[in-house]
Protein backbone atom coordinates (compact mmCIF):
# COMPACT_ATOMS: atom_id res chain seq x y z
CA MET A 1 -81.54 31.83 -18.08
CA ILE A 2 -84.40 33.33 -16.08
CA ARG A 3 -82.01 34.35 -13.32
CA ASN A 4 -79.68 35.96 -15.81
CA ARG A 5 -82.55 37.96 -17.37
CA PHE A 6 -83.60 39.03 -13.83
CA LEU A 7 -80.08 40.29 -13.09
CA ILE A 8 -79.97 42.20 -16.38
CA LEU A 9 -83.30 43.81 -15.59
CA VAL A 10 -82.06 44.83 -12.08
CA THR A 11 -78.91 46.35 -13.65
CA LEU A 12 -80.91 48.32 -16.21
CA ILE A 13 -83.24 49.73 -13.50
CA ALA A 14 -80.20 50.69 -11.32
CA ASN A 15 -78.61 52.43 -14.36
CA LEU A 16 -81.78 54.39 -14.94
CA ALA A 17 -81.94 55.49 -11.36
CA TYR A 18 -78.28 56.29 -10.78
CA GLY A 19 -76.55 56.80 -14.17
CA GLN A 20 -78.95 58.57 -16.40
CA GLU A 21 -79.29 62.21 -17.45
CA ALA A 22 -82.43 63.97 -16.28
CA ILE A 23 -85.03 65.12 -18.77
CA ASP A 24 -85.44 68.83 -19.21
CA PHE A 25 -88.67 70.49 -18.50
CA THR A 26 -90.28 73.89 -17.79
CA ILE A 27 -93.01 74.54 -15.25
CA THR A 28 -94.83 77.52 -13.99
CA ASP A 29 -95.50 77.70 -10.21
CA THR A 30 -98.59 78.85 -8.40
CA LYS A 31 -97.11 82.42 -8.27
CA GLY A 32 -96.61 82.61 -12.02
CA VAL A 33 -92.86 82.13 -11.93
CA THR A 34 -91.38 79.96 -14.66
CA TRP A 35 -88.63 77.35 -13.82
CA ASN A 36 -86.57 75.45 -16.39
CA LEU A 37 -84.67 72.48 -15.02
CA PHE A 38 -81.56 72.75 -17.15
CA ASP A 39 -81.36 76.53 -16.64
CA GLU A 40 -81.30 76.08 -12.85
CA LEU A 41 -78.67 73.26 -13.14
CA ALA A 42 -76.53 75.59 -15.28
CA LYS A 43 -76.49 78.01 -12.37
CA GLY A 44 -74.73 75.32 -10.37
CA LYS A 45 -77.88 74.36 -8.44
CA THR A 46 -78.84 70.93 -7.29
CA VAL A 47 -82.51 70.38 -7.93
CA VAL A 48 -84.79 68.17 -5.70
CA LEU A 49 -87.93 66.98 -7.47
CA ASP A 50 -90.96 66.34 -5.25
CA LEU A 51 -93.68 64.63 -7.29
CA PHE A 52 -96.86 64.72 -5.23
CA PHE A 53 -100.58 65.40 -5.23
CA ALA A 54 -102.62 67.17 -2.58
CA ASP A 55 -104.87 64.37 -1.39
CA CYS A 56 -101.92 61.90 -1.10
CA THR A 57 -101.74 60.99 2.66
CA PRO A 58 -97.93 60.19 2.57
CA CYS A 59 -97.34 63.41 0.69
CA GLN A 60 -99.09 65.30 3.49
CA LYS A 61 -96.96 63.49 6.01
CA PHE A 62 -93.54 64.14 4.40
CA THR A 63 -94.02 67.64 2.97
CA PRO A 64 -93.43 69.57 6.29
CA ALA A 65 -90.10 67.73 6.63
CA MET A 66 -89.19 68.58 2.99
CA ALA A 67 -89.99 72.20 3.78
CA GLN A 68 -87.74 72.01 6.80
CA LEU A 69 -84.94 70.50 4.73
CA TYR A 70 -85.27 73.31 2.15
CA SER A 71 -85.13 75.95 4.88
CA GLU A 72 -81.77 74.52 5.92
CA CYS A 73 -80.38 74.61 2.38
CA ASP A 74 -78.48 77.39 0.71
CA THR A 75 -80.99 78.51 -1.97
CA ASP A 76 -78.09 79.67 -4.15
CA SER A 77 -77.12 76.04 -4.56
CA VAL A 78 -80.23 73.90 -3.88
CA LEU A 79 -83.73 74.26 -5.32
CA VAL A 80 -86.78 72.12 -4.53
CA LEU A 81 -89.59 71.87 -7.11
CA GLY A 82 -92.94 70.42 -6.16
CA ILE A 83 -94.79 68.91 -9.12
CA SER A 84 -98.43 67.77 -9.02
CA ASP A 85 -99.95 65.83 -11.90
CA ARG A 86 -103.61 66.36 -11.03
CA ASP A 87 -104.18 69.46 -8.87
CA ILE A 88 -105.28 72.89 -10.10
CA ASN A 89 -103.45 75.91 -8.73
CA SER A 90 -106.00 76.71 -6.05
CA LYS A 91 -105.68 73.25 -4.58
CA VAL A 92 -101.87 73.34 -4.75
CA GLU A 93 -101.95 76.77 -3.02
CA ALA A 94 -104.20 75.40 -0.22
CA PHE A 95 -101.78 72.45 0.12
CA GLU A 96 -98.82 74.88 0.39
CA THR A 97 -100.55 76.90 3.05
CA GLN A 98 -101.62 73.89 5.12
CA PHE A 99 -98.27 72.06 5.06
CA GLY A 100 -95.91 74.99 5.13
CA VAL A 101 -94.46 74.64 1.59
CA ASN A 102 -91.66 77.12 1.11
CA TYR A 103 -90.51 76.07 -2.30
CA PRO A 104 -92.08 76.53 -5.85
CA SER A 105 -94.85 74.05 -6.72
CA ALA A 106 -96.77 73.63 -9.96
CA GLY A 107 -100.06 71.95 -10.71
CA ILE A 108 -101.68 71.05 -14.01
CA GLU A 109 -101.98 74.71 -15.15
CA GLY A 110 -98.18 75.00 -14.77
CA GLY A 111 -97.39 71.78 -16.56
CA GLY A 112 -97.08 69.42 -13.60
CA ASP A 113 -99.08 66.73 -15.37
CA THR A 114 -96.83 66.87 -18.42
CA VAL A 115 -93.66 66.66 -16.35
CA THR A 116 -94.95 63.64 -14.31
CA SER A 117 -96.01 61.80 -17.50
CA LEU A 118 -92.62 62.42 -19.06
CA TYR A 119 -90.66 61.08 -16.10
CA ARG A 120 -93.04 58.08 -15.67
CA SER A 121 -92.22 57.11 -19.20
CA TRP A 122 -88.44 57.02 -18.49
CA PHE A 123 -88.15 55.84 -14.85
CA SER A 124 -89.74 53.16 -12.68
CA PHE A 125 -92.42 54.84 -10.62
CA ALA A 126 -93.33 53.36 -7.25
CA GLY A 127 -95.96 55.93 -6.23
CA TRP A 128 -96.49 59.28 -4.54
CA PRO A 129 -94.61 61.12 -3.31
CA THR A 130 -91.58 60.28 -5.48
CA TYR A 131 -88.36 62.13 -4.73
CA ALA A 132 -85.34 62.64 -7.06
CA VAL A 133 -82.18 64.70 -6.88
CA VAL A 134 -80.64 66.13 -10.00
CA CYS A 135 -77.02 67.22 -9.88
CA PRO A 136 -75.67 70.25 -11.79
CA ASN A 137 -74.07 67.86 -14.24
CA ARG A 138 -77.72 66.65 -15.01
CA GLN A 139 -77.22 63.16 -13.52
CA ILE A 140 -80.39 62.16 -11.65
CA ARG A 141 -80.81 60.01 -8.48
CA TRP A 142 -84.30 58.68 -8.73
CA ASP A 143 -86.94 57.27 -6.32
CA LEU A 144 -85.13 58.12 -3.10
CA LYS A 145 -86.36 56.78 0.19
CA ARG A 146 -89.47 58.35 1.63
CA ASP A 147 -89.05 59.21 5.35
CA THR A 148 -89.21 62.35 7.43
CA SER A 149 -85.39 62.37 7.98
CA PHE A 150 -84.68 62.42 4.21
CA ILE A 151 -81.34 60.72 4.74
CA GLU A 152 -80.96 59.57 1.17
CA VAL A 153 -82.07 62.90 -0.29
CA LYS A 154 -79.58 64.75 1.96
CA GLN A 155 -76.80 62.38 1.02
CA GLU A 156 -77.53 62.82 -2.68
CA ILE A 157 -77.51 66.62 -2.34
CA PHE A 158 -74.15 66.26 -0.61
CA ASN A 159 -72.86 64.00 -3.39
CA CYS A 160 -73.86 66.55 -6.00
CA LYS A 161 -71.45 69.19 -4.70
CA GLY A 162 -68.76 70.09 -7.14
CA THR A 163 -70.48 68.60 -10.19
CA LEU A 164 -70.88 71.95 -12.03
CA ASN A 165 -70.82 71.58 -15.89
CA THR A 166 -68.58 74.69 -16.03
CA HIS A 167 -65.96 73.27 -13.55
CA GLU A 168 -63.78 70.23 -13.52
CA VAL A 169 -63.25 68.31 -10.27
CA SER A 170 -59.47 68.30 -9.86
CA LYS A 171 -57.54 65.21 -8.93
CA LEU A 172 -54.87 67.30 -7.26
CA ASN A 173 -54.64 66.96 -3.53
CA LEU A 174 -56.70 69.01 -1.09
CA THR A 175 -55.42 68.43 2.45
CA THR A 176 -57.24 69.42 5.56
CA TYR A 177 -55.90 68.94 9.10
CA PRO A 178 -56.94 68.02 11.75
CA ASN A 179 -59.88 65.74 10.89
CA PRO A 180 -62.10 65.18 12.85
CA VAL A 181 -62.23 68.61 14.43
CA ALA A 182 -64.46 70.58 16.83
CA SER A 183 -66.36 73.67 15.60
CA ASN A 184 -65.01 77.08 16.58
CA SER A 185 -61.53 75.70 16.12
CA THR A 186 -59.06 76.01 13.16
CA ILE A 187 -58.15 73.68 10.29
CA SER A 188 -55.24 73.98 7.88
CA ILE A 189 -56.07 73.75 4.20
CA SER A 190 -53.45 73.16 1.47
CA ILE A 191 -53.58 72.46 -2.28
CA ASP A 192 -50.88 71.61 -4.85
CA ASN A 193 -50.27 75.04 -6.24
CA ASN A 194 -49.72 78.61 -5.18
CA ASN A 195 -52.71 80.31 -6.85
CA PRO A 196 -55.47 82.06 -4.89
CA PHE A 197 -58.71 80.25 -4.32
CA ASN A 198 -62.13 80.46 -2.64
CA ILE A 199 -63.24 78.14 0.18
CA ARG A 200 -66.76 76.98 1.00
CA LEU A 201 -67.86 74.92 3.99
CA ILE A 202 -71.03 73.10 3.10
CA SER A 203 -73.40 71.09 5.32
CA ALA A 204 -74.93 67.71 4.42
CA THR A 205 -78.08 69.48 3.31
CA GLY A 206 -76.22 71.81 0.90
CA GLN A 207 -76.22 74.86 3.14
CA VAL A 208 -73.12 77.03 2.65
CA ILE A 209 -71.92 77.58 6.23
CA LEU A 210 -68.83 79.75 5.38
CA LYS A 211 -67.37 81.41 2.29
CA GLN A 212 -63.86 82.77 2.26
CA ASN A 213 -61.06 83.90 -0.12
CA ALA A 214 -57.61 82.44 0.63
CA SER A 215 -54.02 82.09 -0.54
CA HIS A 216 -52.45 78.70 -1.34
CA ASN A 217 -52.06 77.62 2.30
CA LYS A 218 -54.62 78.75 4.73
CA VAL A 219 -55.69 78.34 8.33
CA LEU A 220 -59.54 78.36 8.33
CA LYS A 221 -61.48 79.35 11.49
CA LEU A 222 -64.57 77.15 11.64
CA PRO A 223 -67.92 78.68 12.81
CA GLN A 224 -70.15 77.08 15.40
CA CYS A 225 -71.57 73.90 13.80
CA GLY A 226 -73.38 70.79 14.90
CA ASN A 227 -71.75 67.40 14.80
CA GLY A 228 -71.68 65.67 11.41
CA VAL A 229 -70.01 65.36 8.02
CA TYR A 230 -69.31 68.56 6.18
CA HIS A 231 -67.90 69.31 2.74
CA ILE A 232 -64.90 71.50 2.04
CA GLU A 233 -64.96 72.90 -1.44
CA VAL A 234 -62.05 74.89 -2.91
CA ILE A 235 -62.78 76.66 -6.19
CA GLN A 236 -59.80 77.90 -8.18
CA ASN A 237 -60.43 79.22 -11.71
CA ASP A 238 -62.25 76.34 -13.44
CA LEU A 239 -61.19 73.64 -10.98
CA ILE A 240 -62.91 72.35 -7.85
CA TYR A 241 -61.03 70.57 -5.05
CA GLN A 242 -63.10 68.51 -2.64
CA SER A 243 -62.67 67.01 0.77
CA LYS A 244 -64.83 66.00 3.72
CA ILE A 245 -64.32 66.92 7.33
CA ILE A 246 -66.00 65.47 10.38
CA ILE A 247 -67.05 67.98 13.06
CA ASN A 248 -67.22 66.43 16.53
CA ASN A 249 -67.77 68.89 19.29
CA SER A 250 -66.59 66.47 21.92
CA TYR A 251 -62.97 66.97 20.90
């Protein structure tokens, strides 16, 4: 009986972390700009939540790496929001300057304490910093691993691609060949109909490497890219076709 209750509890926590809709909020950053979570998601953005406070030693350690991650992202599709539950604006601004923060952050004057309290009431909270990724369809991935490589954060950003509320992910085939492939070479892209479409090549951090219009069958010239997994996204009217390619420059 005890074991069964434990398993149920673990399942509930997992569902909270990986299958629940995020809670809407509005904050005002240190520059006076207002951000509403659901408004940003409706624009097709993936939103990374960084819950921190200025005197938190792990926060100080990981923040420069978060700033680096954000600098690699396409800001049209990814937004990072820093949220402090106890710092006034002047302290948040000093933290931003010291640790190279390049994304919006809010302290208690901007509602950071309210947002943190709201999320702590819904999700298990291990401590600071806490990282979460919210997809455009409002699904949240909570309490992601804290490390300077941000592997889990990057993977969840990658997984969010194509989850726009205004688009449907199509089950029709998107074929890319060859795969793996070297950068600066060509791949063939084909879908199951003859209508025009738009292509995007996206990195694991959400950076849009290439945008291009195309007809129903297209040979795409890849730019110079580092080794890794990339996302091919084809948008056609209200449909999104998705595929992954591996770029390996030893080919």
